[in-house]
N, C-alpha and C. Protein backbone atom coordinates (compact mmCIF):
# COMPACT_ATOMS: atom_id res chain seq x y z
N MET A 1 -1.66 -15.32 -19.22
CA MET A 1 -1.21 -14.03 -18.73
C MET A 1 -2.37 -13.14 -18.37
N ASN A 2 -3.43 -13.21 -19.04
CA ASN A 2 -4.64 -12.41 -18.85
C ASN A 2 -5.21 -12.81 -17.48
N ASP A 3 -5.13 -14.01 -17.09
CA ASP A 3 -5.78 -14.60 -15.86
C ASP A 3 -4.98 -14.04 -14.66
N ALA A 4 -3.69 -13.92 -14.79
CA ALA A 4 -2.82 -13.52 -13.70
C ALA A 4 -3.05 -12.03 -13.33
N MET A 5 -3.35 -11.22 -14.31
CA MET A 5 -3.53 -9.79 -14.07
C MET A 5 -4.97 -9.41 -13.74
N SER A 6 -5.80 -10.34 -13.81
CA SER A 6 -7.30 -9.97 -13.59
C SER A 6 -7.66 -10.29 -12.16
N GLY A 7 -6.84 -11.02 -11.34
CA GLY A 7 -7.25 -11.31 -10.03
C GLY A 7 -6.68 -10.30 -9.03
N GLY A 8 -6.70 -10.66 -7.75
CA GLY A 8 -6.25 -9.80 -6.73
C GLY A 8 -4.77 -9.37 -6.89
N ILE A 9 -4.04 -10.28 -7.38
CA ILE A 9 -2.56 -9.93 -7.57
C ILE A 9 -2.42 -8.77 -8.58
N GLY A 10 -3.18 -8.88 -9.64
CA GLY A 10 -3.21 -7.78 -10.58
C GLY A 10 -3.59 -6.44 -9.95
N LEU A 11 -4.55 -6.45 -9.14
CA LEU A 11 -4.94 -5.25 -8.46
C LEU A 11 -3.92 -4.67 -7.51
N VAL A 12 -3.24 -5.57 -6.87
CA VAL A 12 -2.13 -5.08 -6.00
C VAL A 12 -0.96 -4.60 -6.74
N ILE A 13 -0.66 -5.16 -7.89
CA ILE A 13 0.40 -4.74 -8.75
C ILE A 13 0.05 -3.29 -9.28
N MET A 14 -1.23 -3.19 -9.78
CA MET A 14 -1.66 -1.87 -10.26
C MET A 14 -1.65 -0.82 -9.25
N ILE A 15 -2.00 -1.03 -8.03
CA ILE A 15 -2.01 -0.07 -6.93
C ILE A 15 -0.54 0.23 -6.60
N PHE A 16 0.38 -0.73 -6.58
CA PHE A 16 1.73 -0.58 -6.31
C PHE A 16 2.42 0.45 -7.31
N LEU A 17 2.07 0.05 -8.64
CA LEU A 17 2.65 0.88 -9.69
C LEU A 17 2.07 2.39 -9.75
N PHE A 18 0.89 2.49 -9.32
CA PHE A 18 0.30 3.85 -9.19
C PHE A 18 0.97 4.71 -8.04
N VAL A 19 1.19 4.01 -6.93
CA VAL A 19 1.86 4.71 -5.81
C VAL A 19 3.32 5.03 -6.18
N LEU A 20 3.97 4.05 -6.87
CA LEU A 20 5.32 4.30 -7.33
C LEU A 20 5.37 5.48 -8.28
N ALA A 21 4.43 5.62 -9.25
CA ALA A 21 4.40 6.73 -10.20
C ALA A 21 4.26 8.01 -9.45
N ILE A 22 3.33 8.12 -8.49
CA ILE A 22 3.11 9.30 -7.65
C ILE A 22 4.42 9.71 -6.95
N LEU A 23 5.08 8.78 -6.28
CA LEU A 23 6.25 9.03 -5.60
C LEU A 23 7.45 9.49 -6.60
N CYS A 24 7.51 8.87 -7.75
CA CYS A 24 8.45 9.31 -8.67
C CYS A 24 8.22 10.81 -9.16
N PHE A 25 6.94 11.09 -9.20
CA PHE A 25 6.62 12.55 -9.60
C PHE A 25 6.89 13.50 -8.44
N LEU A 26 6.65 13.13 -7.18
CA LEU A 26 6.71 14.11 -6.08
C LEU A 26 8.16 14.21 -5.58
N LEU A 27 8.95 13.19 -5.74
CA LEU A 27 10.34 13.10 -5.09
C LEU A 27 11.19 14.34 -5.42
N PRO A 28 11.28 14.84 -6.77
CA PRO A 28 12.17 15.89 -7.05
C PRO A 28 11.70 17.20 -6.25
N PHE A 29 10.44 17.43 -6.06
CA PHE A 29 9.91 18.55 -5.32
C PHE A 29 10.30 18.46 -3.86
N ALA A 30 10.28 17.26 -3.31
CA ALA A 30 10.70 17.13 -1.96
C ALA A 30 12.11 17.35 -1.73
N ILE A 31 13.01 16.94 -2.70
CA ILE A 31 14.41 17.26 -2.61
C ILE A 31 14.72 18.64 -2.71
N PHE A 32 14.30 19.30 -3.72
CA PHE A 32 14.48 20.78 -3.80
C PHE A 32 13.76 21.65 -2.77
N GLY A 33 12.76 21.04 -2.18
CA GLY A 33 12.22 21.84 -1.04
C GLY A 33 13.12 21.76 0.20
N THR A 34 13.79 20.73 0.41
CA THR A 34 14.74 20.58 1.52
C THR A 34 16.05 21.18 1.46
N LYS A 35 16.40 21.61 0.17
CA LYS A 35 17.68 22.17 -0.02
C LYS A 35 17.98 23.42 0.88
N ASP A 36 17.06 24.28 0.90
CA ASP A 36 17.28 25.53 1.70
C ASP A 36 17.35 25.27 3.17
N LYS A 37 16.51 24.23 3.63
CA LYS A 37 16.46 23.95 5.04
C LYS A 37 17.85 23.30 5.44
N LEU A 38 18.39 22.54 4.51
CA LEU A 38 19.74 21.89 4.78
C LEU A 38 20.76 22.96 4.86
N GLY A 39 20.66 24.01 4.02
CA GLY A 39 21.60 25.08 4.08
C GLY A 39 21.60 25.88 5.41
N GLU A 40 20.39 26.07 5.90
CA GLU A 40 20.12 26.65 7.22
C GLU A 40 20.65 25.80 8.31
N LEU A 41 20.49 24.48 8.24
CA LEU A 41 21.09 23.57 9.18
C LEU A 41 22.58 23.55 9.25
N ILE A 42 23.13 23.72 8.08
CA ILE A 42 24.63 23.71 8.09
C ILE A 42 25.15 24.93 8.58
N SER A 43 24.50 26.03 8.34
CA SER A 43 25.06 27.34 8.90
C SER A 43 24.90 27.33 10.46
N GLU A 44 23.70 26.83 10.92
CA GLU A 44 23.47 26.67 12.45
C GLU A 44 24.53 25.88 13.02
N SER A 45 24.83 24.74 12.34
CA SER A 45 25.88 23.80 12.92
C SER A 45 27.23 24.49 12.95
N LYS A 46 27.60 25.25 12.08
CA LYS A 46 28.76 25.97 11.99
C LYS A 46 28.89 27.06 13.15
N LYS A 47 27.81 27.69 13.41
CA LYS A 47 27.65 28.65 14.53
C LYS A 47 27.86 27.81 15.86
N THR A 48 27.17 26.75 16.08
CA THR A 48 27.28 25.93 17.23
C THR A 48 28.70 25.47 17.49
N ASN A 49 29.41 25.06 16.39
CA ASN A 49 30.80 24.58 16.56
C ASN A 49 31.68 25.82 16.97
N GLN A 50 31.43 27.02 16.48
CA GLN A 50 32.22 28.17 16.81
C GLN A 50 32.10 28.48 18.30
N ALA A 51 30.77 28.42 18.73
CA ALA A 51 30.49 28.71 20.06
C ALA A 51 31.07 27.63 21.08
N TYR A 52 31.14 26.37 20.61
CA TYR A 52 31.65 25.27 21.33
C TYR A 52 33.21 25.48 21.47
N HIS A 53 33.86 25.91 20.44
CA HIS A 53 35.28 26.09 20.51
C HIS A 53 35.65 27.19 21.39
N GLN A 54 34.89 28.29 21.34
CA GLN A 54 35.14 29.42 22.15
C GLN A 54 34.96 29.12 23.65
N THR A 55 33.86 28.24 23.92
CA THR A 55 33.71 27.86 25.31
C THR A 55 34.82 26.95 25.82
N MET A 56 35.28 26.10 24.98
CA MET A 56 36.37 25.27 25.39
C MET A 56 37.68 26.02 25.61
N LYS A 57 37.96 27.05 24.74
CA LYS A 57 39.08 27.85 25.00
C LYS A 57 39.02 28.57 26.30
N ALA A 58 37.77 29.15 26.52
CA ALA A 58 37.46 29.89 27.84
C ALA A 58 37.76 28.91 29.03
N LEU A 59 37.22 27.67 28.86
CA LEU A 59 37.44 26.77 30.04
C LEU A 59 38.83 26.35 30.24
N GLN A 60 39.60 26.15 29.18
CA GLN A 60 41.04 25.85 29.27
C GLN A 60 41.80 26.97 29.96
N LEU A 61 41.48 28.23 29.51
CA LEU A 61 42.15 29.36 30.17
C LEU A 61 41.85 29.48 31.67
N GLN A 62 40.53 29.17 31.97
CA GLN A 62 40.14 29.34 33.37
C GLN A 62 40.79 28.19 34.17
N SER A 63 41.00 27.02 33.57
CA SER A 63 41.65 25.91 34.41
C SER A 63 43.06 26.17 34.47
N ARG A 64 43.74 26.77 33.56
CA ARG A 64 45.11 27.18 33.61
C ARG A 64 45.36 28.21 34.69
N ASN A 65 44.41 29.20 34.73
CA ASN A 65 44.63 30.20 35.73
C ASN A 65 44.47 29.64 37.15
N GLN A 66 43.52 28.72 37.23
CA GLN A 66 43.33 27.94 38.58
C GLN A 66 44.55 27.23 38.99
N ILE A 67 45.29 26.58 38.04
CA ILE A 67 46.44 25.69 38.32
C ILE A 67 47.52 26.67 38.70
N ILE A 68 47.70 27.85 38.07
CA ILE A 68 48.75 28.84 38.34
C ILE A 68 48.51 29.43 39.84
N GLN A 69 47.15 29.70 40.10
CA GLN A 69 46.95 30.24 41.47
C GLN A 69 47.14 29.13 42.54
N VAL A 70 46.87 27.88 42.23
CA VAL A 70 47.23 26.85 43.18
C VAL A 70 48.79 26.66 43.38
N LYS A 71 49.47 26.77 42.35
CA LYS A 71 50.97 26.69 42.48
C LYS A 71 51.60 27.86 43.20
N LYS A 72 50.97 29.11 43.13
CA LYS A 72 51.44 30.21 43.92
C LYS A 72 51.16 30.08 45.33
N SER A 73 50.17 29.47 45.70
CA SER A 73 49.66 29.36 47.11
C SER A 73 50.55 28.53 47.85
């Protein structure tokens, strides 16, 4: 067992475990840091959806008015 961990494979395993430990330490900070930004994105998405629906209603009314004008002609 000592021979397996003393070579290049042991070094690779140690580097991998070190990087993994750093990631496990930093991940919670990354998640909580993005929470506010996700909230902002959700609110902007809701505003965009409202604007989209208002535009669609306006276009539907406009097309209905054009159809009525064509029928009257």
